[in-house]
All heavy atoms as atom14 arrays in JSON, in Angstrom:
{
  "sequence": "KDLSYIELKELGGFRRKTVKQCTRLKIRLTSYLLNQVFLELQC",
  "atom14_mask": [
    [1, 1, 1, 1, 1, 1, 1, 1, 1, 0, 0, 0, 0, 0],
    [1, 1, 1, 1, 1, 1, 1, 1, 0, 0, 0, 0, 0, 0],
    [1, 1, 1, 1, 1, 1, 1, 1, 0, 0, 0, 0, 0, 0],
    [1, 1, 1, 1, 1, 1, 0, 0, 0, 0, 0, 0, 0, 0],
    [1, 1, 1, 1, 1, 1, 1, 1, 1, 1, 1, 1, 0, 0],
    [1, 1, 1, 1, 1, 1, 1, 1, 0, 0, 0, 0, 0, 0],
    [1, 1, 1, 1, 1, 1, 1, 1, 1, 0, 0, 0, 0, 0],
    [1, 1, 1, 1, 1, 1, 1, 1, 0, 0, 0, 0, 0, 0],
    [1, 1, 1, 1, 1, 1, 1, 1, 1, 0, 0, 0, 0, 0],
    [1, 1, 1, 1, 1, 1, 1, 1, 1, 0, 0, 0, 0, 0],
    [1, 1, 1, 1, 1, 1, 1, 1, 0, 0, 0, 0, 0, 0],
    [1, 1, 1, 1, 0, 0, 0, 0, 0, 0, 0, 0, 0, 0],
    [1, 1, 1, 1, 0, 0, 0, 0, 0, 0, 0, 0, 0, 0],
    [1, 1, 1, 1, 1, 1, 1, 1, 1, 1, 1, 0, 0, 0],
    [1, 1, 1, 1, 1, 1, 1, 1, 1, 1, 1, 0, 0, 0],
    [1, 1, 1, 1, 1, 1, 1, 1, 1, 1, 1, 0, 0, 0],
    [1, 1, 1, 1, 1, 1, 1, 1, 1, 0, 0, 0, 0, 0],
    [1, 1, 1, 1, 1, 1, 1, 0, 0, 0, 0, 0, 0, 0],
    [1, 1, 1, 1, 1, 1, 1, 0, 0, 0, 0, 0, 0, 0],
    [1, 1, 1, 1, 1, 1, 1, 1, 1, 0, 0, 0, 0, 0],
    [1, 1, 1, 1, 1, 1, 1, 1, 1, 0, 0, 0, 0, 0],
    [1, 1, 1, 1, 1, 1, 0, 0, 0, 0, 0, 0, 0, 0],
    [1, 1, 1, 1, 1, 1, 1, 0, 0, 0, 0, 0, 0, 0],
    [1, 1, 1, 1, 1, 1, 1, 1, 1, 1, 1, 0, 0, 0],
    [1, 1, 1, 1, 1, 1, 1, 1, 0, 0, 0, 0, 0, 0],
    [1, 1, 1, 1, 1, 1, 1, 1, 1, 0, 0, 0, 0, 0],
    [1, 1, 1, 1, 1, 1, 1, 1, 0, 0, 0, 0, 0, 0],
    [1, 1, 1, 1, 1, 1, 1, 1, 1, 1, 1, 0, 0, 0],
    [1, 1, 1, 1, 1, 1, 1, 1, 0, 0, 0, 0, 0, 0],
    [1, 1, 1, 1, 1, 1, 1, 0, 0, 0, 0, 0, 0, 0],
    [1, 1, 1, 1, 1, 1, 0, 0, 0, 0, 0, 0, 0, 0],
    [1, 1, 1, 1, 1, 1, 1, 1, 1, 1, 1, 1, 0, 0],
    [1, 1, 1, 1, 1, 1, 1, 1, 0, 0, 0, 0, 0, 0],
    [1, 1, 1, 1, 1, 1, 1, 1, 0, 0, 0, 0, 0, 0],
    [1, 1, 1, 1, 1, 1, 1, 1, 0, 0, 0, 0, 0, 0],
    [1, 1, 1, 1, 1, 1, 1, 1, 1, 0, 0, 0, 0, 0],
    [1, 1, 1, 1, 1, 1, 1, 0, 0, 0, 0, 0, 0, 0],
    [1, 1, 1, 1, 1, 1, 1, 1, 1, 1, 1, 0, 0, 0],
    [1, 1, 1, 1, 1, 1, 1, 1, 0, 0, 0, 0, 0, 0],
    [1, 1, 1, 1, 1, 1, 1, 1, 1, 0, 0, 0, 0, 0],
    [1, 1, 1, 1, 1, 1, 1, 1, 0, 0, 0, 0, 0, 0],
    [1, 1, 1, 1, 1, 1, 1, 1, 1, 0, 0, 0, 0, 0],
    [1, 1, 1, 1, 1, 1, 0, 0, 0, 0, 0, 0, 0, 0]
  ],
  "atom14_positions": [
    [[-8.27, -64.36, -13.41], [-8.22, -65.21, -14.58], [-8.2, -66.64, -14.28], [-8.84, -67.46, -14.71], [-6.87, -64.8, -15.34], [-6.82, -65.45, -16.67], [-5.64, -64.91, -17.34], [-5.55, -65.54, -18.86], [-4.28, -64.99, -19.46], [0.0, 0.0, 0.0], [0.0, 0.0, 0.0], [0.0, 0.0, 0.0], [0.0, 0.0, 0.0], [0.0, 0.0, 0.0]],
    [[-7.53, -66.94, -13.12], [-7.49, -68.34, -12.72], [-8.88, -68.85, -12.2], [-9.24, -69.93, -12.45], [-6.37, -68.45, -11.46], [-4.94, -68.33, -11.92], [-4.66, -68.53, -13.06], [-4.22, -67.91, -11.14], [0.0, 0.0, 0.0], [0.0, 0.0, 0.0], [0.0, 0.0, 0.0], [0.0, 0.0, 0.0], [0.0, 0.0, 0.0], [0.0, 0.0, 0.0]],
    [[-9.48, -68.11, -11.44], [-10.89, -68.33, -11.04], [-11.78, -68.52, -12.15], [-12.63, -69.36, -12.17], [-11.39, -67.19, -10.05], [-10.7, -67.05, -8.73], [-11.25, -65.93, -7.91], [-10.86, -68.33, -7.91], [0.0, 0.0, 0.0], [0.0, 0.0, 0.0], [0.0, 0.0, 0.0], [0.0, 0.0, 0.0], [0.0, 0.0, 0.0], [0.0, 0.0, 0.0]],
    [[-11.66, -67.67, -13.29], [-12.46, -67.85, -14.44], [-12.16, -69.19, -15.07], [-13.16, -69.88, -15.53], [-12.21, -66.76, -15.46], [-12.62, -65.63, -14.92], [0.0, 0.0, 0.0], [0.0, 0.0, 0.0], [0.0, 0.0, 0.0], [0.0, 0.0, 0.0], [0.0, 0.0, 0.0], [0.0, 0.0, 0.0], [0.0, 0.0, 0.0], [0.0, 0.0, 0.0]],
    [[-10.86, -69.54, -15.14], [-10.52, -70.98, -15.7], [-11.17, -72.08, -14.9], [-11.63, -73.04, -15.41], [-9.11, -71.04, -15.81], [-8.4, -70.33, -16.84], [-7.23, -69.71, -16.67], [-9.0, -70.25, -18.2], [-6.71, -68.96, -17.78], [-8.47, -69.54, -19.11], [-7.22, -68.9, -18.95], [-6.69, -68.2, -19.94], [0.0, 0.0, 0.0], [0.0, 0.0, 0.0]],
    [[-11.18, -71.88, -13.57], [-11.73, -73.03, -12.72], [-13.28, -72.98, -12.89], [-13.76, -74.12, -13.01], [-11.4, -72.64, -11.24], [-9.92, -72.93, -11.02], [-12.22, -73.48, -10.21], [-9.38, -72.4, -9.65], [0.0, 0.0, 0.0], [0.0, 0.0, 0.0], [0.0, 0.0, 0.0], [0.0, 0.0, 0.0], [0.0, 0.0, 0.0], [0.0, 0.0, 0.0]],
    [[-13.98, -71.91, -13.01], [-15.32, -71.87, -13.27], [-15.68, -72.49, -14.7], [-16.64, -73.17, -14.78], [-15.89, -70.48, -13.15], [-15.93, -70.1, -11.8], [-16.4, -68.46, -11.6], [-16.6, -67.92, -12.74], [-16.53, -68.03, -10.53], [0.0, 0.0, 0.0], [0.0, 0.0, 0.0], [0.0, 0.0, 0.0], [0.0, 0.0, 0.0], [0.0, 0.0, 0.0]],
    [[-14.81, -72.12, -15.68], [-15.06, -72.67, -16.97], [-14.83, -74.19, -17.03], [-15.62, -74.96, -17.6], [-14.06, -72.01, -17.93], [-14.21, -72.26, -19.44], [-15.62, -71.79, -19.9], [-13.26, -71.6, -20.29], [0.0, 0.0, 0.0], [0.0, 0.0, 0.0], [0.0, 0.0, 0.0], [0.0, 0.0, 0.0], [0.0, 0.0, 0.0], [0.0, 0.0, 0.0]],
    [[-13.91, -74.61, -16.21], [-13.69, -76.12, -16.14], [-14.9, -76.79, -15.44], [-15.29, -77.88, -15.96], [-12.38, -76.32, -15.28], [-11.95, -77.83, -15.34], [-10.63, -77.98, -14.62], [-10.24, -79.32, -14.55], [-9.05, -79.58, -13.63], [0.0, 0.0, 0.0], [0.0, 0.0, 0.0], [0.0, 0.0, 0.0], [0.0, 0.0, 0.0], [0.0, 0.0, 0.0]],
    [[-15.35, -76.29, -14.5], [-16.44, -76.8, -13.8], [-17.75, -76.74, -14.71], [-18.53, -77.73, -14.74], [-16.89, -76.0, -12.55], [-15.83, -76.35, -11.45], [-16.12, -75.42, -10.25], [-17.13, -74.49, -10.2], [-15.39, -75.45, -9.25], [0.0, 0.0, 0.0], [0.0, 0.0, 0.0], [0.0, 0.0, 0.0], [0.0, 0.0, 0.0], [0.0, 0.0, 0.0]],
    [[-17.87, -75.68, -15.39], [-18.98, -75.59, -16.37], [-18.9, -76.73, -17.52], [-19.9, -77.21, -17.89], [-19.09, -74.27, -16.95], [-20.27, -73.88, -17.87], [-21.6, -73.95, -17.01], [-20.14, -72.48, -18.39], [0.0, 0.0, 0.0], [0.0, 0.0, 0.0], [0.0, 0.0, 0.0], [0.0, 0.0, 0.0], [0.0, 0.0, 0.0], [0.0, 0.0, 0.0]],
    [[-17.66, -76.89, -17.96], [-17.47, -77.88, -19.01], [-17.81, -79.34, -18.4], [-18.45, -80.11, -19.16], [0.0, 0.0, 0.0], [0.0, 0.0, 0.0], [0.0, 0.0, 0.0], [0.0, 0.0, 0.0], [0.0, 0.0, 0.0], [0.0, 0.0, 0.0], [0.0, 0.0, 0.0], [0.0, 0.0, 0.0], [0.0, 0.0, 0.0], [0.0, 0.0, 0.0]],
    [[-17.38, -79.6, -17.19], [-17.74, -80.88, -16.53], [-19.22, -81.03, -16.44], [-19.75, -82.21, -16.65], [0.0, 0.0, 0.0], [0.0, 0.0, 0.0], [0.0, 0.0, 0.0], [0.0, 0.0, 0.0], [0.0, 0.0, 0.0], [0.0, 0.0, 0.0], [0.0, 0.0, 0.0], [0.0, 0.0, 0.0], [0.0, 0.0, 0.0], [0.0, 0.0, 0.0]],
    [[-19.91, -79.97, -16.04], [-21.34, -80.04, -15.99], [-22.07, -80.29, -17.25], [-22.96, -81.08, -17.34], [-21.78, -78.72, -15.27], [-23.42, -78.62, -15.19], [-24.15, -79.52, -14.38], [-24.15, -77.87, -16.04], [-25.47, -79.41, -14.15], [-25.52, -77.77, -16.02], [-26.23, -78.54, -15.04], [0.0, 0.0, 0.0], [0.0, 0.0, 0.0], [0.0, 0.0, 0.0]],
    [[-21.54, -79.71, -18.36], [-22.0, -79.84, -19.71], [-21.84, -81.35, -20.19], [-22.78, -81.99, -20.71], [-21.44, -78.96, -20.6], [-22.02, -79.09, -21.95], [-21.27, -78.26, -23.16], [-21.8, -78.34, -24.35], [-21.63, -79.58, -25.19], [-20.82, -80.49, -24.73], [-22.15, -79.7, -26.39], [0.0, 0.0, 0.0], [0.0, 0.0, 0.0], [0.0, 0.0, 0.0]],
    [[-20.51, -81.77, -19.78], [-20.47, -83.27, -20.2], [-21.39, -84.17, -19.51], [-21.94, -85.11, -20.05], [-18.87, -83.58, -19.87], [-17.99, -83.41, -20.95], [-16.62, -84.07, -20.71], [-16.07, -83.53, -19.45], [-15.29, -82.54, -19.26], [-15.17, -81.65, -20.28], [-14.78, -82.32, -18.03], [0.0, 0.0, 0.0], [0.0, 0.0, 0.0], [0.0, 0.0, 0.0]],
    [[-21.57, -83.92, -18.16], [-22.5, -84.82, -17.42], [-23.87, -84.77, -17.93], [-24.68, -85.67, -18.11], [-22.52, -84.51, -16.06], [-21.4, -85.09, -15.32], [-21.65, -85.03, -13.81], [-20.65, -84.05, -13.2], [-20.87, -83.73, -11.66], [0.0, 0.0, 0.0], [0.0, 0.0, 0.0], [0.0, 0.0, 0.0], [0.0, 0.0, 0.0], [0.0, 0.0, 0.0]],
    [[-24.3, -83.56, -18.35], [-25.59, -83.28, -18.89], [-25.83, -83.99, -20.25], [-26.91, -84.59, -20.44], [-26.07, -81.68, -18.94], [-25.68, -81.15, -17.68], [-27.39, -81.5, -19.32], [0.0, 0.0, 0.0], [0.0, 0.0, 0.0], [0.0, 0.0, 0.0], [0.0, 0.0, 0.0], [0.0, 0.0, 0.0], [0.0, 0.0, 0.0], [0.0, 0.0, 0.0]],
    [[-24.89, -83.75, -21.03], [-25.0, -84.51, -22.42], [-25.03, -85.91, -22.31], [-25.77, -86.61, -22.9], [-23.82, -83.94, -23.37], [-23.72, -84.77, -24.53], [-24.08, -82.53, -23.76], [0.0, 0.0, 0.0], [0.0, 0.0, 0.0], [0.0, 0.0, 0.0], [0.0, 0.0, 0.0], [0.0, 0.0, 0.0], [0.0, 0.0, 0.0], [0.0, 0.0, 0.0]],
    [[-24.28, -86.52, -21.32], [-24.15, -87.97, -21.15], [-25.42, -88.42, -20.56], [-26.12, -89.43, -21.06], [-23.12, -88.33, -20.19], [-22.84, -89.76, -20.02], [-21.59, -89.99, -19.23], [-21.06, -91.32, -19.11], [-19.91, -91.51, -18.35], [0.0, 0.0, 0.0], [0.0, 0.0, 0.0], [0.0, 0.0, 0.0], [0.0, 0.0, 0.0], [0.0, 0.0, 0.0]],
    [[-26.14, -87.69, -19.69], [-27.41, -88.01, -19.1], [-28.55, -87.97, -20.19], [-29.38, -88.81, -20.3], [-27.77, -87.08, -17.91], [-29.18, -87.39, -17.28], [-29.32, -86.47, -16.18], [-28.78, -85.39, -16.07], [-30.28, -86.9, -15.26], [0.0, 0.0, 0.0], [0.0, 0.0, 0.0], [0.0, 0.0, 0.0], [0.0, 0.0, 0.0], [0.0, 0.0, 0.0]],
    [[-28.46, -86.87, -21.14], [-29.47, -86.69, -22.26], [-29.27, -87.87, -23.17], [-30.33, -88.46, -23.65], [-29.2, -85.36, -22.77], [-30.43, -85.08, -24.1], [0.0, 0.0, 0.0], [0.0, 0.0, 0.0], [0.0, 0.0, 0.0], [0.0, 0.0, 0.0], [0.0, 0.0, 0.0], [0.0, 0.0, 0.0], [0.0, 0.0, 0.0], [0.0, 0.0, 0.0]],
    [[-28.13, -88.33, -23.44], [-27.81, -89.4, -24.28], [-28.49, -90.67, -23.71], [-29.08, -91.46, -24.47], [-26.4, -89.63, -24.67], [-25.83, -88.38, -25.07], [-26.12, -90.65, -25.62], [0.0, 0.0, 0.0], [0.0, 0.0, 0.0], [0.0, 0.0, 0.0], [0.0, 0.0, 0.0], [0.0, 0.0, 0.0], [0.0, 0.0, 0.0], [0.0, 0.0, 0.0]],
    [[-28.18, -90.93, -22.51], [-28.78, -92.16, -21.89], [-30.39, -92.04, -21.8], [-30.92, -93.19, -22.22], [-28.36, -92.21, -20.39], [-26.95, -92.7, -20.2], [-26.67, -92.9, -18.72], [-25.29, -93.13, -18.56], [-24.62, -92.69, -17.57], [-25.19, -92.01, -16.61], [-23.25, -92.9, -17.32], [0.0, 0.0, 0.0], [0.0, 0.0, 0.0], [0.0, 0.0, 0.0]],
    [[-30.93, -91.01, -21.73], [-32.43, -90.92, -21.67], [-32.93, -91.15, -22.99], [-33.96, -91.78, -23.25], [-32.93, -89.6, -21.1], [-32.74, -89.32, -19.59], [-33.05, -87.89, -19.2], [-33.58, -90.33, -18.85], [0.0, 0.0, 0.0], [0.0, 0.0, 0.0], [0.0, 0.0, 0.0], [0.0, 0.0, 0.0], [0.0, 0.0, 0.0], [0.0, 0.0, 0.0]],
    [[-32.22, -90.64, -24.08], [-32.64, -90.79, -25.48], [-32.64, -92.25, -25.86], [-33.42, -92.82, -26.54], [-31.81, -89.97, -26.49], [-32.21, -88.6, -26.62], [-31.36, -87.94, -27.63], [-31.83, -86.55, -27.96], [-31.06, -85.82, -29.04], [0.0, 0.0, 0.0], [0.0, 0.0, 0.0], [0.0, 0.0, 0.0], [0.0, 0.0, 0.0], [0.0, 0.0, 0.0]],
    [[-31.45, -93.01, -25.38], [-31.39, -94.41, -25.6], [-32.51, -95.21, -25.04], [-33.15, -96.14, -25.59], [-30.07, -94.89, -25.29], [-28.92, -94.36, -26.19], [-29.9, -96.5, -25.32], [-27.46, -94.53, -25.73], [0.0, 0.0, 0.0], [0.0, 0.0, 0.0], [0.0, 0.0, 0.0], [0.0, 0.0, 0.0], [0.0, 0.0, 0.0], [0.0, 0.0, 0.0]],
    [[-32.78, -94.9, -23.74], [-33.83, -95.61, -22.98], [-35.18, -95.28, -23.72], [-35.99, -96.26, -23.85], [-33.85, -95.21, -21.59], [-32.76, -95.77, -20.76], [-32.73, -95.27, -19.38], [-34.01, -95.63, -18.72], [-34.38, -95.09, -17.48], [-33.66, -94.11, -17.07], [-35.46, -95.5, -17.05], [0.0, 0.0, 0.0], [0.0, 0.0, 0.0], [0.0, 0.0, 0.0]],
    [[-35.41, -94.05, -24.14], [-36.64, -93.78, -24.8], [-36.8, -94.4, -26.11], [-37.93, -95.02, -26.46], [-36.84, -92.27, -24.97], [-38.06, -91.77, -25.6], [-39.25, -92.0, -24.77], [-37.91, -90.23, -25.89], [0.0, 0.0, 0.0], [0.0, 0.0, 0.0], [0.0, 0.0, 0.0], [0.0, 0.0, 0.0], [0.0, 0.0, 0.0], [0.0, 0.0, 0.0]],
    [[-35.76, -94.42, -26.81], [-35.78, -95.14, -28.07], [-35.99, -96.61, -28.03], [-36.85, -97.17, -28.68], [-34.45, -94.96, -28.83], [-34.21, -93.56, -29.06], [-34.47, -95.44, -30.24], [0.0, 0.0, 0.0], [0.0, 0.0, 0.0], [0.0, 0.0, 0.0], [0.0, 0.0, 0.0], [0.0, 0.0, 0.0], [0.0, 0.0, 0.0], [0.0, 0.0, 0.0]],
    [[-35.32, -97.25, -27.11], [-35.51, -98.64, -26.93], [-36.98, -98.96, -26.47], [-37.64, -99.83, -26.91], [-34.58, -99.22, -25.88], [-34.72, -98.81, -24.65], [0.0, 0.0, 0.0], [0.0, 0.0, 0.0], [0.0, 0.0, 0.0], [0.0, 0.0, 0.0], [0.0, 0.0, 0.0], [0.0, 0.0, 0.0], [0.0, 0.0, 0.0], [0.0, 0.0, 0.0]],
    [[-37.49, -98.11, -25.57], [-38.87, -98.36, -25.18], [-39.8, -98.14, -26.36], [-40.77, -98.91, -26.52], [-39.32, -97.47, -23.98], [-40.72, -97.51, -23.53], [-41.17, -98.74, -22.86], [-41.53, -96.65, -23.88], [-42.51, -98.74, -22.54], [-42.84, -96.57, -23.55], [-43.42, -97.68, -22.87], [-44.79, -97.87, -22.52], [0.0, 0.0, 0.0], [0.0, 0.0, 0.0]],
    [[-39.6, -96.96, -26.96], [-40.56, -96.6, -28.1], [-40.48, -97.55, -29.2], [-41.62, -98.07, -29.74], [-40.12, -95.19, -28.61], [-41.03, -94.65, -29.62], [-42.38, -94.27, -29.1], [-40.34, -93.4, -30.2], [0.0, 0.0, 0.0], [0.0, 0.0, 0.0], [0.0, 0.0, 0.0], [0.0, 0.0, 0.0], [0.0, 0.0, 0.0], [0.0, 0.0, 0.0]],
    [[-39.3, -97.96, -29.67], [-39.23, -98.87, -30.76], [-39.51, -100.3, -30.48], [-40.06, -101.09, -31.32], [-37.8, -98.74, -31.41], [-37.46, -97.5, -31.93], [-36.07, -97.4, -32.5], [-38.46, -97.0, -33.05], [0.0, 0.0, 0.0], [0.0, 0.0, 0.0], [0.0, 0.0, 0.0], [0.0, 0.0, 0.0], [0.0, 0.0, 0.0], [0.0, 0.0, 0.0]],
    [[-39.14, -100.86, -29.29], [-39.37, -102.22, -28.97], [-40.66, -102.55, -28.49], [-41.14, -103.73, -28.61], [-38.28, -102.66, -28.07], [-36.95, -102.61, -28.6], [-36.72, -102.68, -29.88], [-35.92, -102.42, -27.76], [0.0, 0.0, 0.0], [0.0, 0.0, 0.0], [0.0, 0.0, 0.0], [0.0, 0.0, 0.0], [0.0, 0.0, 0.0], [0.0, 0.0, 0.0]],
    [[-41.33, -101.61, -27.67], [-42.61, -101.98, -27.22], [-43.87, -101.29, -27.72], [-44.89, -101.8, -27.64], [-42.46, -101.7, -25.68], [-41.42, -102.5, -24.9], [-41.39, -102.17, -23.41], [-42.13, -101.35, -22.93], [-40.4, -102.86, -22.83], [0.0, 0.0, 0.0], [0.0, 0.0, 0.0], [0.0, 0.0, 0.0], [0.0, 0.0, 0.0], [0.0, 0.0, 0.0]],
    [[-43.71, -100.02, -28.16], [-44.87, -99.26, -28.49], [-45.02, -99.2, -30.08], [-46.07, -99.64, -30.58], [-44.77, -97.75, -28.08], [-45.97, -97.05, -28.49], [-44.83, -97.86, -26.42], [0.0, 0.0, 0.0], [0.0, 0.0, 0.0], [0.0, 0.0, 0.0], [0.0, 0.0, 0.0], [0.0, 0.0, 0.0], [0.0, 0.0, 0.0], [0.0, 0.0, 0.0]],
    [[-43.99, -98.94, -30.7], [-44.2, -98.64, -32.16], [-42.95, -99.13, -32.96], [-41.97, -98.49, -33.27], [-44.13, -97.1, -32.28], [-44.81, -96.62, -33.51], [-45.01, -95.27, -33.68], [-45.22, -97.4, -34.7], [-45.62, -94.81, -34.87], [-45.75, -96.85, -35.74], [-46.0, -95.59, -35.9], [0.0, 0.0, 0.0], [0.0, 0.0, 0.0], [0.0, 0.0, 0.0]],
    [[-43.08, -100.39, -33.35], [-41.96, -101.17, -34.16], [-41.71, -100.67, -35.38], [-40.74, -100.69, -35.93], [-42.22, -102.62, -34.03], [-42.37, -103.35, -32.79], [-42.94, -104.83, -32.91], [-41.01, -103.52, -32.05], [0.0, 0.0, 0.0], [0.0, 0.0, 0.0], [0.0, 0.0, 0.0], [0.0, 0.0, 0.0], [0.0, 0.0, 0.0], [0.0, 0.0, 0.0]],
    [[-42.78, -100.2, -36.04], [-42.58, -99.73, -37.49], [-41.93, -98.33, -37.76], [-41.62, -97.98, -38.79], [-44.05, -99.75, -38.12], [-44.63, -101.14, -38.23], [-45.46, -101.34, -36.92], [-45.68, -100.32, -36.12], [-45.89, -102.44, -36.66], [0.0, 0.0, 0.0], [0.0, 0.0, 0.0], [0.0, 0.0, 0.0], [0.0, 0.0, 0.0], [0.0, 0.0, 0.0]],
    [[-41.81, -97.65, -36.54], [-41.45, -96.13, -36.8], [-39.97, -96.06, -37.24], [-39.75, -95.16, -38.05], [-41.48, -95.44, -35.3], [-41.23, -94.13, -35.31], [-42.43, -93.23, -36.04], [-41.01, -93.54, -33.93], [0.0, 0.0, 0.0], [0.0, 0.0, 0.0], [0.0, 0.0, 0.0], [0.0, 0.0, 0.0], [0.0, 0.0, 0.0], [0.0, 0.0, 0.0]],
    [[-39.13, -96.93, -36.91], [-37.74, -96.89, -37.38], [-37.69, -97.1, -38.89], [-36.79, -96.63, -39.59], [-36.87, -97.89, -36.61], [-35.43, -97.55, -36.81], [-34.6, -98.47, -35.83], [-35.1, -99.35, -35.26], [-33.37, -98.05, -35.7], [0.0, 0.0, 0.0], [0.0, 0.0, 0.0], [0.0, 0.0, 0.0], [0.0, 0.0, 0.0], [0.0, 0.0, 0.0]],
    [[-38.54, -97.87, -39.46], [-38.55, -98.24, -40.88], [-38.92, -96.99, -41.74], [-38.43, -96.8, -42.81], [-39.58, -99.33, -41.24], [-39.05, -100.87, -40.38], [0.0, 0.0, 0.0], [0.0, 0.0, 0.0], [0.0, 0.0, 0.0], [0.0, 0.0, 0.0], [0.0, 0.0, 0.0], [0.0, 0.0, 0.0], [0.0, 0.0, 0.0], [0.0, 0.0, 0.0]]
  ]
}
């Protein structure tokens, strides 16, 4: 049971890192897309 909790904790940390990385990539993509390629899209 303790080992399961440890694995679950590691999995939660991995998920947090992955979500954070995905958010950063979305922000970078949005800034590139909206500011340089397609300004009218957000309207």
